[in-house]
Amino acid sequence: MAASRLSDIAKRAGVSIAAVSIALNDRNTTRVSAAKRDLIYKIADELSYSPNELAKALAEKRSRLLGLVVPMRDPIFFNQFIAQALSGIQSTLMKRGYNLLIFSPSGRPGRTTRDQILESRFTDGLLFINTRSCSARDINETIHELNEAKIRFAMMNSYYGRAPVNYVGVDDAAIGEAAIRYLVQRGHKRIAFLSGESTLPTHIHLLQGLRRAMIDFGLELKQEHIGCTHYDQTQAFSIMDGWFARKKDRPTAIFAADDTLLVHIYDYMEARRLSAPGDVAILARANSANAGGLRPRPTAFFIPVFEMGQLAADMVIDAIEKPERPPQRVLLPFTFSAGNTT
């Protein structure tokens, strides 16, 4: 089908099939005159010519496949953050003529394994999403191994190192500062922080922002008001029971590090017959795709996960198609939505 269409264009333009192929594959070529190139493009448009992607990939010596690595212990498609990031990635790939190959985690969760690096030889580049399984050490080791293997890649979420890599995320320290400003301006002084793991980069940077802003207001984020649940609901309930048992020192507001923890707070409030903001104010760093269905509607700083996926895919494709371009580090703006929990 593609060959006959090339011949149709060549016949109408009065040029060889080779000239048509050269012009369509390289708009800046000097091997075909500008006048002939313009005529070829015009006829191709009239015929609604669409190049065969496999033939194009073979001609370019590329697979036009990107690999996606998501190191998680749990099935990734149940995770709303991953699902929304994947939607953003897919939207870019559809526009730019690439397909996606997903690598299931194996070996130690939290980092790219050597097997995955070997498998990725079938792709032109990799997208790597840092998850709650990824410590700072995991991320640094992943970057080192990908660079050693000379694999083009882009990384999403929770990287705060200085390596020159294509990366897109948000400024979690700034989110932490904004959370404290918002709560203190509403009269809260005893603020608790519910997180997942103390070793996670997101936890570390949110905590930095929270503490920095508390100091600015002459307040203190007490150690006993920092709870790490290990993403276990029973542990979350136990932590919050401890907070609410302290009648004189119980928090008047809780800041949740992500959607999973926010849901744990909602479940706890329902189980203990508490209300927000009547008994305690709730604020979160959240993903709008998941938190939007909670009632009462949460007050949250929403991170643009779909856009992160779109941009990360663009970054790795640009690295493939324009290897001379230096890596980009982009922190996208987060948005604030005032709900009914503060």
C-alpha atoms as a PDB file:
ATOM      1  CA  MET A   1       0.000   0.000   0.000  1.00  0.00           C
ATOM      2  CA  ALA A   2       2.743   2.452   0.959  1.00  0.00           C
ATOM      3  CA  ALA A   3       4.828   1.589  -2.139  1.00  0.00           C
ATOM      4  CA  SER A   4       1.893   2.159  -4.505  1.00  0.00           C
ATOM      5  CA  ARG A   5       1.164   5.522  -2.910  1.00  0.00           C
ATOM      6  CA  LEU A   6       4.788   6.563  -3.275  1.00  0.00           C
ATOM      7  CA  SER A   7       4.588   5.615  -6.939  1.00  0.00           C
ATOM      8  CA  ASP A   8       1.339   7.590  -7.296  1.00  0.00           C
ATOM      9  CA  ILE A   9       3.014  10.687  -5.874  1.00  0.00           C
ATOM     10  CA  ALA A  10       6.079  10.154  -8.087  1.00  0.00           C
ATOM     11  CA  LYS A  11       3.959   9.744 -11.206  1.00  0.00           C
ATOM     12  CA  ARG A  12       1.940  12.908 -10.586  1.00  0.00           C
ATOM     13  CA  ALA A  13       5.026  14.941  -9.622  1.00  0.00           C
ATOM     14  CA  GLY A  14       7.073  13.677 -12.555  1.00  0.00           C
ATOM     15  CA  VAL A  15       9.937  12.487 -10.357  1.00  0.00           C
ATOM     16  CA  SER A  16      11.387   9.154  -9.248  1.00  0.00           C
ATOM     17  CA  ILE A  17      10.059   7.155  -6.288  1.00  0.00           C
ATOM     18  CA  ALA A  18      13.479   7.649  -4.644  1.00  0.00           C
ATOM     19  CA  ALA A  19      13.076  11.437  -4.897  1.00  0.00           C
ATOM     20  CA  VAL A  20       9.650  11.206  -3.232  1.00  0.00           C
ATOM     21  CA  SER A  21      11.040   9.036  -0.437  1.00  0.00           C
ATOM     22  CA  ILE A  22      13.981  11.399   0.166  1.00  0.00           C
ATOM     23  CA  ALA A  23      11.741  14.480   0.248  1.00  0.00           C
ATOM     24  CA  LEU A  24       9.154  12.971   2.597  1.00  0.00           C
ATOM     25  CA  ASN A  25      11.763  11.640   5.016  1.00  0.00           C
ATOM     26  CA  ASP A  26      13.822  14.844   5.149  1.00  0.00           C
ATOM     27  CA  ARG A  27      12.110  18.169   4.560  1.00  0.00           C
ATOM     28  CA  ASN A  28      15.456  19.988   4.631  1.00  0.00           C
ATOM     29  CA  THR A  29      17.165  17.821   2.046  1.00  0.00           C
ATOM     30  CA  THR A  30      19.091  19.486  -0.775  1.00  0.00           C
ATOM     31  CA  ARG A  31      19.011  16.337  -2.882  1.00  0.00           C
ATOM     32  CA  VAL A  32      15.592  17.368  -4.235  1.00  0.00           C
ATOM     33  CA  SER A  33      14.957  20.933  -5.384  1.00  0.00           C
ATOM     34  CA  ALA A  34      12.748  23.184  -3.265  1.00  0.00           C
ATOM     35  CA  ALA A  35      10.170  23.456  -6.061  1.00  0.00           C
ATOM     36  CA  LYS A  36       9.965  19.682  -6.452  1.00  0.00           C
ATOM     37  CA  ARG A  37       9.754  19.222  -2.661  1.00  0.00           C
ATOM     38  CA  ASP A  38       6.835  21.650  -2.434  1.00  0.00           C
ATOM     39  CA  LEU A  39       5.046  19.819  -5.258  1.00  0.00           C
ATOM     40  CA  ILE A  40       5.655  16.419  -3.600  1.00  0.00           C
ATOM     41  CA  TYR A  41       4.271  17.683  -0.252  1.00  0.00           C
ATOM     42  CA  LYS A  42       1.225  19.145  -1.989  1.00  0.00           C
ATOM     43  CA  ILE A  43       0.424  15.921  -3.843  1.00  0.00           C
ATOM     44  CA  ALA A  44       1.084  13.794  -0.726  1.00  0.00           C
ATOM     45  CA  ASP A  45      -1.378  15.954   1.173  1.00  0.00           C
ATOM     46  CA  GLU A  46      -3.988  15.658  -1.596  1.00  0.00           C
ATOM     47  CA  LEU A  47      -3.618  11.857  -1.566  1.00  0.00           C
ATOM     48  CA  SER A  48      -3.717  11.755   2.272  1.00  0.00           C
ATOM     49  CA  TYR A  49      -0.463   9.862   2.170  1.00  0.00           C
ATOM     50  CA  SER A  50       0.509   8.217   5.477  1.00  0.00           C
ATOM     51  CA  PRO A  51       3.954   6.583   5.695  1.00  0.00           C
ATOM     52  CA  ASN A  52       4.189   3.001   6.816  1.00  0.00           C
ATOM     53  CA  GLU A  53       5.609   3.281  10.348  1.00  0.00           C
ATOM     54  CA  LEU A  54       7.452  -0.037  10.169  1.00  0.00           C
ATOM     55  CA  ALA A  55       9.121   0.929   6.903  1.00  0.00           C
ATOM     56  CA  LYS A  56       9.970   4.328   8.362  1.00  0.00           C
ATOM     57  CA  ALA A  57      11.474   2.740  11.455  1.00  0.00           C
ATOM     58  CA  LEU A  58      13.598   0.375   9.358  1.00  0.00           C
ATOM     59  CA  ALA A  59      14.799   3.247   7.185  1.00  0.00           C
ATOM     60  CA  GLU A  60      15.740   5.279  10.268  1.00  0.00           C
ATOM     61  CA  LYS A  61      17.321   2.225  11.951  1.00  0.00           C
ATOM     62  CA  ARG A  62      15.044   2.763  14.937  1.00  0.00           C
ATOM     63  CA  SER A  63      12.286   0.658  16.470  1.00  0.00           C
ATOM     64  CA  ARG A  64      10.049   3.651  17.273  1.00  0.00           C
ATOM     65  CA  LEU A  65       9.392   1.882  20.572  1.00  0.00           C
ATOM     66  CA  LEU A  66       9.813   3.436  23.999  1.00  0.00           C
ATOM     67  CA  GLY A  67      10.080   1.368  27.151  1.00  0.00           C
ATOM     68  CA  LEU A  68       8.249   2.270  30.359  1.00  0.00           C
ATOM     69  CA  VAL A  69       9.717   1.114  33.677  1.00  0.00           C
ATOM     70  CA  VAL A  70       7.577   1.484  36.816  1.00  0.00           C
ATOM     71  CA  PRO A  71       9.248  -0.152  39.827  1.00  0.00           C
ATOM     72  CA  MET A  72       6.388  -1.177  42.121  1.00  0.00           C
ATOM     73  CA  ARG A  73       5.504  -4.271  44.099  1.00  0.00           C
ATOM     74  CA  ASP A  74       1.812  -3.838  43.261  1.00  0.00           C
ATOM     75  CA  PRO A  75       0.049  -4.054  39.853  1.00  0.00           C
ATOM     76  CA  ILE A  76       0.690  -0.654  38.312  1.00  0.00           C
ATOM     77  CA  PHE A  77      -2.667  -0.143  36.587  1.00  0.00           C
ATOM     78  CA  PHE A  78      -4.503  -0.031  39.931  1.00  0.00           C
ATOM     79  CA  ASN A  79      -2.435   3.023  40.833  1.00  0.00           C
ATOM     80  CA  GLN A  80      -4.146   6.267  39.786  1.00  0.00           C
ATOM     81  CA  PHE A  81      -0.861   8.213  39.619  1.00  0.00           C
ATOM     82  CA  ILE A  82       0.609   5.679  37.175  1.00  0.00           C
ATOM     83  CA  ALA A  83      -2.604   5.460  35.152  1.00  0.00           C
ATOM     84  CA  GLN A  84      -2.755   9.226  34.688  1.00  0.00           C
ATOM     85  CA  ALA A  85       0.964   9.471  33.867  1.00  0.00           C
ATOM     86  CA  LEU A  86       0.511   6.687  31.307  1.00  0.00           C
ATOM     87  CA  SER A  87      -2.366   8.612  29.698  1.00  0.00           C
ATOM     88  CA  GLY A  88      -0.079  11.633  29.300  1.00  0.00           C
ATOM     89  CA  ILE A  89       2.697   9.480  27.854  1.00  0.00           C
ATOM     90  CA  GLN A  90       0.305   7.848  25.402  1.00  0.00           C
ATOM     91  CA  SER A  91      -1.029  11.185  24.183  1.00  0.00           C
ATOM     92  CA  THR A  92       2.495  12.283  23.222  1.00  0.00           C
ATOM     93  CA  LEU A  93       3.407   8.959  21.624  1.00  0.00           C
ATOM     94  CA  MET A  94       0.292   9.029  19.444  1.00  0.00           C
ATOM     95  CA  LYS A  95       1.245  12.484  18.130  1.00  0.00           C
ATOM     96  CA  ARG A  96       4.860  11.602  17.488  1.00  0.00           C
ATOM     97  CA  GLY A  97       4.474   8.142  15.968  1.00  0.00           C
ATOM     98  CA  TYR A  98       5.948   5.982  18.723  1.00  0.00           C
ATOM     99  CA  ASN A  99       4.658   2.924  20.588  1.00  0.00           C
ATOM    100  CA  LEU A 100       5.130   1.814  24.179  1.00  0.00           C
ATOM    101  CA  LEU A 101       6.576  -1.348  25.704  1.00  0.00           C
ATOM    102  CA  ILE A 102       5.977  -1.814  29.448  1.00  0.00           C
ATOM    103  CA  PHE A 103       8.566  -3.646  31.541  1.00  0.00           C
ATOM    104  CA  SER A 104       7.219  -5.520  34.570  1.00  0.00           C
ATOM    105  CA  PRO A 105       9.367  -5.144  37.684  1.00  0.00           C
ATOM    106  CA  SER A 106      11.708  -7.951  38.628  1.00  0.00           C
ATOM    107  CA  GLY A 107      14.515  -8.296  41.132  1.00  0.00           C
ATOM    108  CA  ARG A 108      14.749  -5.584  43.754  1.00  0.00           C
ATOM    109  CA  PRO A 109      11.835  -3.103  43.567  1.00  0.00           C
ATOM    110  CA  GLY A 110      12.814   0.534  43.373  1.00  0.00           C
ATOM    111  CA  ARG A 111      15.367   0.504  40.594  1.00  0.00           C
ATOM    112  CA  THR A 112      16.034  -0.634  37.044  1.00  0.00           C
ATOM    113  CA  THR A 113      17.441  -4.151  36.935  1.00  0.00           C
ATOM    114  CA  ARG A 114      20.194  -5.302  34.610  1.00  0.00           C
ATOM    115  CA  ASP A 115      17.684  -7.595  32.894  1.00  0.00           C
ATOM    116  CA  GLN A 116      15.450  -4.616  32.123  1.00  0.00           C
ATOM    117  CA  ILE A 117      18.421  -2.702  30.731  1.00  0.00           C
ATOM    118  CA  LEU A 118      19.250  -5.649  28.455  1.00  0.00           C
ATOM    119  CA  GLU A 119      15.603  -5.943  27.393  1.00  0.00           C
ATOM    120  CA  SER A 120      15.488  -2.221  26.642  1.00  0.00           C
ATOM    121  CA  ARG A 121      17.921  -2.749  23.758  1.00  0.00           C
ATOM    122  CA  PHE A 122      14.789  -3.446  21.725  1.00  0.00           C
ATOM    123  CA  THR A 123      13.604   0.130  22.356  1.00  0.00           C
ATOM    124  CA  ASP A 124      14.907   3.526  21.296  1.00  0.00           C
ATOM    125  CA  GLY A 125      14.695   4.907  24.829  1.00  0.00           C
ATOM    126  CA  LEU A 126      13.204   4.481  28.285  1.00  0.00           C
ATOM    127  CA  LEU A 127      10.742   6.337  30.487  1.00  0.00           C
ATOM    128  CA  PHE A 128      11.298   5.762  34.193  1.00  0.00           C
ATOM    129  CA  ILE A 129       8.674   6.698  36.799  1.00  0.00           C
ATOM    130  CA  ASN A 130       9.979   6.952  40.350  1.00  0.00           C
ATOM    131  CA  THR A 131       7.434   5.460  42.743  1.00  0.00           C
ATOM    132  CA  ARG A 132       7.091   4.987  46.474  1.00  0.00           C
ATOM    133  CA  SER A 133       9.384   1.959  46.101  1.00  0.00           C
ATOM    134  CA  CYS A 134      12.298   4.194  45.042  1.00  0.00           C
ATOM    135  CA  SER A 135      14.768   5.496  47.589  1.00  0.00           C
ATOM    136  CA  ALA A 136      17.267   8.219  46.664  1.00  0.00           C
ATOM    137  CA  ARG A 137      19.946   5.520  46.409  1.00  0.00           C
ATOM    138  CA  ASP A 138      17.768   3.444  44.066  1.00  0.00           C
ATOM    139  CA  ILE A 139      17.249   6.440  41.790  1.00  0.00           C
ATOM    140  CA  ASN A 140      20.948   7.344  41.700  1.00  0.00           C
ATOM    141  CA  GLU A 141      21.914   3.734  40.900  1.00  0.00           C
ATOM    142  CA  THR A 142      19.300   3.593  38.139  1.00  0.00           C
ATOM    143  CA  ILE A 143      20.651   6.786  36.554  1.00  0.00           C
ATOM    144  CA  HIS A 144      24.215   5.458  36.757  1.00  0.00           C
ATOM    145  CA  GLU A 145      23.351   2.151  35.101  1.00  0.00           C
ATOM    146  CA  LEU A 146      21.285   3.754  32.331  1.00  0.00           C
ATOM    147  CA  ASN A 147      24.085   6.209  31.575  1.00  0.00           C
ATOM    148  CA  GLU A 148      26.669   3.401  31.614  1.00  0.00           C
ATOM    149  CA  ALA A 149      24.526   1.476  29.120  1.00  0.00           C
ATOM    150  CA  LYS A 150      24.216   4.641  26.972  1.00  0.00           C
ATOM    151  CA  ILE A 151      20.428   4.413  26.967  1.00  0.00           C
ATOM    152  CA  ARG A 152      18.440   7.557  26.256  1.00  0.00           C
ATOM    153  CA  PHE A 153      15.872   8.075  28.975  1.00  0.00           C
ATOM    154  CA  ALA A 154      13.658  10.527  30.807  1.00  0.00           C
ATOM    155  CA  MET A 155      12.663  10.316  34.452  1.00  0.00           C
ATOM    156  CA  MET A 156       9.472  11.397  36.200  1.00  0.00           C
ATOM    157  CA  ASN A 157       8.773  12.309  39.815  1.00  0.00           C
ATOM    158  CA  SER A 158      10.821  12.609  43.008  1.00  0.00           C
ATOM    159  CA  TYR A 159      14.407  13.094  41.774  1.00  0.00           C
ATOM    160  CA  TYR A 160      16.415  15.779  43.568  1.00  0.00           C
ATOM    161  CA  GLY A 161      19.975  14.884  42.585  1.00  0.00           C
ATOM    162  CA  ARG A 162      22.242  16.925  40.357  1.00  0.00           C
ATOM    163  CA  ALA A 163      22.938  14.513  37.514  1.00  0.00           C
ATOM    164  CA  PRO A 164      22.287  16.115  34.086  1.00  0.00           C
ATOM    165  CA  VAL A 165      19.300  13.975  33.056  1.00  0.00           C
ATOM    166  CA  ASN A 166      15.969  14.592  31.384  1.00  0.00           C
ATOM    167  CA  TYR A 167      13.600  14.957  34.320  1.00  0.00           C
ATOM    168  CA  VAL A 168      10.117  16.316  34.994  1.00  0.00           C
ATOM    169  CA  GLY A 169       8.509  16.666  38.425  1.00  0.00           C
ATOM    170  CA  VAL A 170       7.312  19.219  40.969  1.00  0.00           C
ATOM    171  CA  ASP A 171       8.973  21.164  43.797  1.00  0.00           C
ATOM    172  CA  ASP A 172       7.897  19.207  46.867  1.00  0.00           C
ATOM    173  CA  ALA A 173       9.690  21.494  49.315  1.00  0.00           C
ATOM    174  CA  ALA A 174       7.643  24.391  47.913  1.00  0.00           C
ATOM    175  CA  ILE A 175       4.461  22.345  48.389  1.00  0.00           C
ATOM    176  CA  GLY A 176       5.424  21.750  52.021  1.00  0.00           C
ATOM    177  CA  GLU A 177       5.995  25.468  52.592  1.00  0.00           C
ATOM    178  CA  ALA A 178       2.711  26.375  50.900  1.00  0.00           C
ATOM    179  CA  ALA A 179       0.855  23.846  53.058  1.00  0.00           C
ATOM    180  CA  ILE A 180       2.113  25.392  56.297  1.00  0.00           C
ATOM    181  CA  ARG A 181       1.379  28.945  55.143  1.00  0.00           C
ATOM    182  CA  TYR A 182      -2.165  27.956  54.261  1.00  0.00           C
ATOM    183  CA  LEU A 183      -2.818  26.189  57.573  1.00  0.00           C
ATOM    184  CA  VAL A 184      -1.163  28.772  59.818  1.00  0.00           C
ATOM    185  CA  GLN A 185      -3.108  31.571  58.156  1.00  0.00           C
ATOM    186  CA  ARG A 186      -6.236  29.694  59.221  1.00  0.00           C
ATOM    187  CA  GLY A 187      -5.143  29.602  62.840  1.00  0.00           C
ATOM    188  CA  HIS A 188      -3.522  26.153  63.031  1.00  0.00           C
ATOM    189  CA  LYS A 189      -0.395  25.768  65.160  1.00  0.00           C
ATOM    190  CA  ARG A 190      -0.377  22.045  65.970  1.00  0.00           C
ATOM    191  CA  ILE A 191       0.088  20.444  62.549  1.00  0.00           C
ATOM    192  CA  ALA A 192       0.790  16.745  61.884  1.00  0.00           C
ATOM    193  CA  PHE A 193       2.389  15.175  58.815  1.00  0.00           C
ATOM    194  CA  LEU A 194       1.232  11.733  57.629  1.00  0.00           C
ATOM    195  CA  SER A 195       3.701  10.149  55.221  1.00  0.00           C
ATOM    196  CA  GLY A 196       4.658   6.751  53.857  1.00  0.00           C
ATOM    197  CA  GLU A 197       8.385   6.089  54.209  1.00  0.00           C
ATOM    198  CA  SER A 198      10.992   8.341  55.799  1.00  0.00           C
ATOM    199  CA  THR A 199      13.589   7.281  53.204  1.00  0.00           C
ATOM    200  CA  LEU A 200      11.592   8.477  50.187  1.00  0.00           C
ATOM    201  CA  PRO A 201      12.793  11.642  48.424  1.00  0.00           C
ATOM    202  CA  THR A 202       9.249  13.073  48.384  1.00  0.00           C
ATOM    203  CA  HIS A 203       8.962  12.640  52.160  1.00  0.00           C
ATOM    204  CA  ILE A 204      12.375  14.232  52.756  1.00  0.00           C
ATOM    205  CA  HIS A 205      11.651  17.303  50.630  1.00  0.00           C
ATOM    206  CA  LEU A 206       8.084  17.806  51.825  1.00  0.00           C
ATOM    207  CA  LEU A 207       9.420  17.653  55.383  1.00  0.00           C
ATOM    208  CA  GLN A 208      12.116  20.211  54.591  1.00  0.00           C
ATOM    209  CA  GLY A 209       9.482  22.610  53.301  1.00  0.00           C
ATOM    210  CA  LEU A 210       7.140  22.002  56.233  1.00  0.00           C
ATOM    211  CA  ARG A 211       9.858  22.617  58.815  1.00  0.00           C
ATOM    212  CA  ARG A 212      11.249  25.672  57.037  1.00  0.00           C
ATOM    213  CA  ALA A 213       7.841  27.335  56.954  1.00  0.00           C
ATOM    214  CA  MET A 214       7.071  26.393  60.577  1.00  0.00           C
ATOM    215  CA  ILE A 215      10.308  28.070  61.682  1.00  0.00           C
ATOM    216  CA  ASP A 216       9.351  31.196  59.713  1.00  0.00           C
ATOM    217  CA  PHE A 217       6.148  31.365  61.784  1.00  0.00           C
ATOM    218  CA  GLY A 218       7.972  30.691  65.069  1.00  0.00           C
ATOM    219  CA  LEU A 219       6.433  27.219  65.327  1.00  0.00           C
ATOM    220  CA  GLU A 220       7.752  23.663  65.510  1.00  0.00           C
ATOM    221  CA  LEU A 221       6.799  20.485  63.694  1.00  0.00           C
ATOM    222  CA  LYS A 222       7.224  18.038  66.559  1.00  0.00           C
ATOM    223  CA  GLN A 223       8.762  14.651  65.866  1.00  0.00           C
ATOM    224  CA  GLU A 224       5.784  12.910  67.477  1.00  0.00           C
ATOM    225  CA  HIS A 225       3.544  14.636  64.916  1.00  0.00           C
ATOM    226  CA  ILE A 226       5.402  13.018  61.988  1.00  0.00           C
ATOM    227  CA  GLY A 227       3.928   9.620  61.175  1.00  0.00           C
ATOM    228  CA  CYS A 228       5.234   7.124  58.602  1.00  0.00           C
ATOM    229  CA  THR A 229       2.684   4.415  57.846  1.00  0.00           C
ATOM    230  CA  HIS A 230       4.702   2.224  55.421  1.00  0.00           C
ATOM    231  CA  TYR A 231       1.492   2.537  53.373  1.00  0.00           C
ATOM    232  CA  ASP A 232      -0.311   0.208  55.748  1.00  0.00           C
ATOM    233  CA  GLN A 233      -3.805   1.276  56.818  1.00  0.00           C
ATOM    234  CA  THR A 234      -3.575  -0.438  60.195  1.00  0.00           C
ATOM    235  CA  GLN A 235      -0.353   1.453  60.907  1.00  0.00           C
ATOM    236  CA  ALA A 236      -1.994   4.704  59.766  1.00  0.00           C
ATOM    237  CA  PHE A 237      -4.892   4.141  62.176  1.00  0.00           C
ATOM    238  CA  SER A 238      -2.472   3.417  65.020  1.00  0.00           C
ATOM    239  CA  ILE A 239      -0.517   6.625  64.363  1.00  0.00           C
ATOM    240  CA  MET A 240      -3.649   8.771  64.262  1.00  0.00           C
ATOM    241  CA  ASP A 241      -5.056   7.101  67.398  1.00  0.00           C
ATOM    242  CA  GLY A 242      -1.864   8.188  69.147  1.00  0.00           C
ATOM    243  CA  TRP A 243      -2.247  11.748  67.924  1.00  0.00           C
ATOM    244  CA  PHE A 244      -5.879  12.054  68.995  1.00  0.00           C
ATOM    245  CA  ALA A 245      -5.243  10.443  72.402  1.00  0.00           C
ATOM    246  CA  ARG A 246      -3.149  13.488  73.394  1.00  0.00           C
ATOM    247  CA  LYS A 247      -5.950  15.833  74.419  1.00  0.00           C
ATOM    248  CA  LYS A 248      -3.673  18.814  75.156  1.00  0.00           C
ATOM    249  CA  ASP A 249      -1.325  18.246  72.221  1.00  0.00           C
ATOM    250  CA  ARG A 250      -3.574  16.719  69.567  1.00  0.00           C
ATOM    251  CA  PRO A 251      -3.101  18.176  66.088  1.00  0.00           C
ATOM    252  CA  THR A 252      -5.714  20.547  64.712  1.00  0.00           C
ATOM    253  CA  ALA A 253      -4.616  19.839  61.123  1.00  0.00           C
ATOM    254  CA  ILE A 254      -3.068  16.906  59.222  1.00  0.00           C
ATOM    255  CA  PHE A 255      -1.095  17.203  55.992  1.00  0.00           C
ATOM    256  CA  ALA A 256      -1.026  14.010  53.866  1.00  0.00           C
ATOM    257  CA  ALA A 257       1.899  13.301  51.543  1.00  0.00           C
ATOM    258  CA  ASP A 258      -0.136  11.572  48.808  1.00  0.00           C
ATOM    259  CA  ASP A 259      -3.474  10.110  47.723  1.00  0.00           C
ATOM    260  CA  THR A 260      -3.106   6.746  49.443  1.00  0.00           C
ATOM    261  CA  LEU A 261      -2.481   8.437  52.783  1.00  0.00           C
ATOM    262  CA  LEU A 262      -5.346  10.844  52.185  1.00  0.00           C
ATOM    263  CA  VAL A 263      -7.699   7.893  51.696  1.00  0.00           C
ATOM    264  CA  HIS A 264      -6.392   6.359  54.933  1.00  0.00           C
ATOM    265  CA  ILE A 265      -7.262   9.602  56.744  1.00  0.00           C
ATOM    266  CA  TYR A 266     -10.776   9.582  55.278  1.00  0.00           C
ATOM    267  CA  ASP A 267     -11.251   5.939  56.315  1.00  0.00           C
ATOM    268  CA  TYR A 268     -10.003   6.759  59.807  1.00  0.00           C
ATOM    269  CA  MET A 269     -12.348   9.727  60.169  1.00  0.00           C
ATOM    270  CA  GLU A 270     -15.299   7.562  59.158  1.00  0.00           C
ATOM    271  CA  ALA A 271     -14.300   4.701  61.456  1.00  0.00           C
ATOM    272  CA  ARG A 272     -13.817   7.010  64.460  1.00  0.00           C
ATOM    273  CA  ARG A 273     -16.916   9.102  63.668  1.00  0.00           C
ATOM    274  CA  LEU A 274     -14.882  12.281  63.264  1.00  0.00           C
ATOM    275  CA  SER A 275     -15.503  15.106  60.809  1.00  0.00           C
ATOM    276  CA  ALA A 276     -13.382  17.484  58.778  1.00  0.00           C
ATOM    277  CA  PRO A 277     -12.840  20.306  59.412  1.00  0.00           C
ATOM    278  CA  GLY A 278     -14.907  20.085  62.618  1.00  0.00           C
ATOM    279  CA  ASP A 279     -12.574  17.715  64.489  1.00  0.00           C
ATOM    280  CA  VAL A 280      -9.434  18.193  62.404  1.00  0.00           C
ATOM    281  CA  ALA A 281      -8.508  20.005  59.192  1.00  0.00           C
ATOM    282  CA  ILE A 282      -7.134  17.892  56.330  1.00  0.00           C
ATOM    283  CA  LEU A 283      -4.776  19.099  53.602  1.00  0.00           C
ATOM    284  CA  ALA A 284      -2.926  16.979  51.042  1.00  0.00           C
ATOM    285  CA  ARG A 285      -0.451  16.734  48.197  1.00  0.00           C
ATOM    286  CA  ALA A 286      -2.661  14.891  45.749  1.00  0.00           C
ATOM    287  CA  ASN A 287      -3.351  13.644  42.266  1.00  0.00           C
ATOM    288  CA  SER A 288      -6.592  15.156  40.978  1.00  0.00           C
ATOM    289  CA  ALA A 289      -7.643  11.936  39.199  1.00  0.00           C
ATOM    290  CA  ASN A 290      -7.923  10.095  42.504  1.00  0.00           C
ATOM    291  CA  ALA A 291      -8.730  12.737  45.123  1.00  0.00           C
ATOM    292  CA  GLY A 292     -11.501  14.273  43.042  1.00  0.00           C
ATOM    293  CA  GLY A 293     -13.909  11.498  44.023  1.00  0.00           C
ATOM    294  CA  LEU A 294     -13.539  11.922  47.798  1.00  0.00           C
ATOM    295  CA  ARG A 295     -16.294  13.514  49.883  1.00  0.00           C
ATOM    296  CA  PRO A 296     -16.111  15.961  51.522  1.00  0.00           C
ATOM    297  CA  ARG A 297     -14.037  17.389  48.705  1.00  0.00           C
ATOM    298  CA  PRO A 298     -10.431  17.622  49.937  1.00  0.00           C
ATOM    299  CA  THR A 299      -8.372  20.765  50.118  1.00  0.00           C
ATOM    300  CA  ALA A 300      -5.219  19.900  48.214  1.00  0.00           C
ATOM    301  CA  PHE A 301      -2.168  20.891  46.235  1.00  0.00           C
ATOM    302  CA  PHE A 302      -2.632  18.962  43.018  1.00  0.00           C
ATOM    303  CA  ILE A 303       0.347  17.807  40.969  1.00  0.00           C
ATOM    304  CA  PRO A 304      -0.035  17.772  37.141  1.00  0.00           C
ATOM    305  CA  VAL A 305       0.576  14.068  36.540  1.00  0.00           C
ATOM    306  CA  PHE A 306      -0.912  13.913  33.027  1.00  0.00           C
ATOM    307  CA  GLU A 307       1.275  16.833  31.904  1.00  0.00           C
ATOM    308  CA  MET A 308       4.316  15.231  33.532  1.00  0.00           C
ATOM    309  CA  GLY A 309       3.745  12.134  31.410  1.00  0.00           C
ATOM    310  CA  GLN A 310       3.328  14.177  28.239  1.00  0.00           C
ATOM    311  CA  LEU A 311       6.515  16.161  28.799  1.00  0.00           C
ATOM    312  CA  ALA A 312       8.623  13.170  29.857  1.00  0.00           C
ATOM    313  CA  ALA A 313       7.671  11.371  26.634  1.00  0.00           C
ATOM    314  CA  ASP A 314       8.550  14.460  24.590  1.00  0.00           C
ATOM    315  CA  MET A 315      11.900  14.684  26.385  1.00  0.00           C
ATOM    316  CA  VAL A 316      12.981  11.138  25.600  1.00  0.00           C
ATOM    317  CA  ILE A 317      11.815  11.381  21.964  1.00  0.00           C
ATOM    318  CA  ASP A 318      13.744  14.646  21.571  1.00  0.00           C
ATOM    319  CA  ALA A 319      16.805  12.918  23.059  1.00  0.00           C
ATOM    320  CA  ILE A 320      16.437  10.209  20.401  1.00  0.00           C
ATOM    321  CA  GLU A 321      15.776  12.510  17.454  1.00  0.00           C
ATOM    322  CA  LYS A 322      18.013  15.428  18.514  1.00  0.00           C
ATOM    323  CA  PRO A 323      20.889  13.836  20.443  1.00  0.00           C
ATOM    324  CA  GLU A 324      22.818  17.095  20.469  1.00  0.00           C
ATOM    325  CA  ARG A 325      20.159  18.737  22.672  1.00  0.00           C
ATOM    326  CA  PRO A 326      21.275  18.986  26.340  1.00  0.00           C
ATOM    327  CA  PRO A 327      19.122  17.309  29.027  1.00  0.00           C
ATOM    328  CA  GLN A 328      16.281  19.335  30.528  1.00  0.00           C
ATOM    329  CA  ARG A 329      15.171  19.530  34.153  1.00  0.00           C
ATOM    330  CA  VAL A 330      11.612  20.851  34.438  1.00  0.00           C
ATOM    331  CA  LEU A 331       9.572  21.449  37.604  1.00  0.00           C
ATOM    332  CA  LEU A 332       5.938  21.939  36.652  1.00  0.00           C
ATOM    333  CA  PRO A 333       3.687  24.222  38.728  1.00  0.00           C
ATOM    334  CA  PHE A 334       1.293  22.604  41.171  1.00  0.00           C
ATOM    335  CA  THR A 335      -2.234  23.934  41.624  1.00  0.00           C
ATOM    336  CA  PHE A 336      -4.253  24.590  44.761  1.00  0.00           C
ATOM    337  CA  SER A 337      -7.913  23.716  45.265  1.00  0.00           C
ATOM    338  CA  ALA A 338      -9.801  24.763  48.384  1.00  0.00           C
ATOM    339  CA  GLY A 339     -12.221  21.983  49.322  1.00  0.00           C
ATOM    340  CA  ASN A 340     -14.326  21.356  52.400  1.00  0.00           C
ATOM    341  CA  THR A 341     -11.753  19.836  54.743  1.00  0.00           C
ATOM    342  CA  THR A 342      -9.974  22.951  56.124  1.00  0.00           C
END
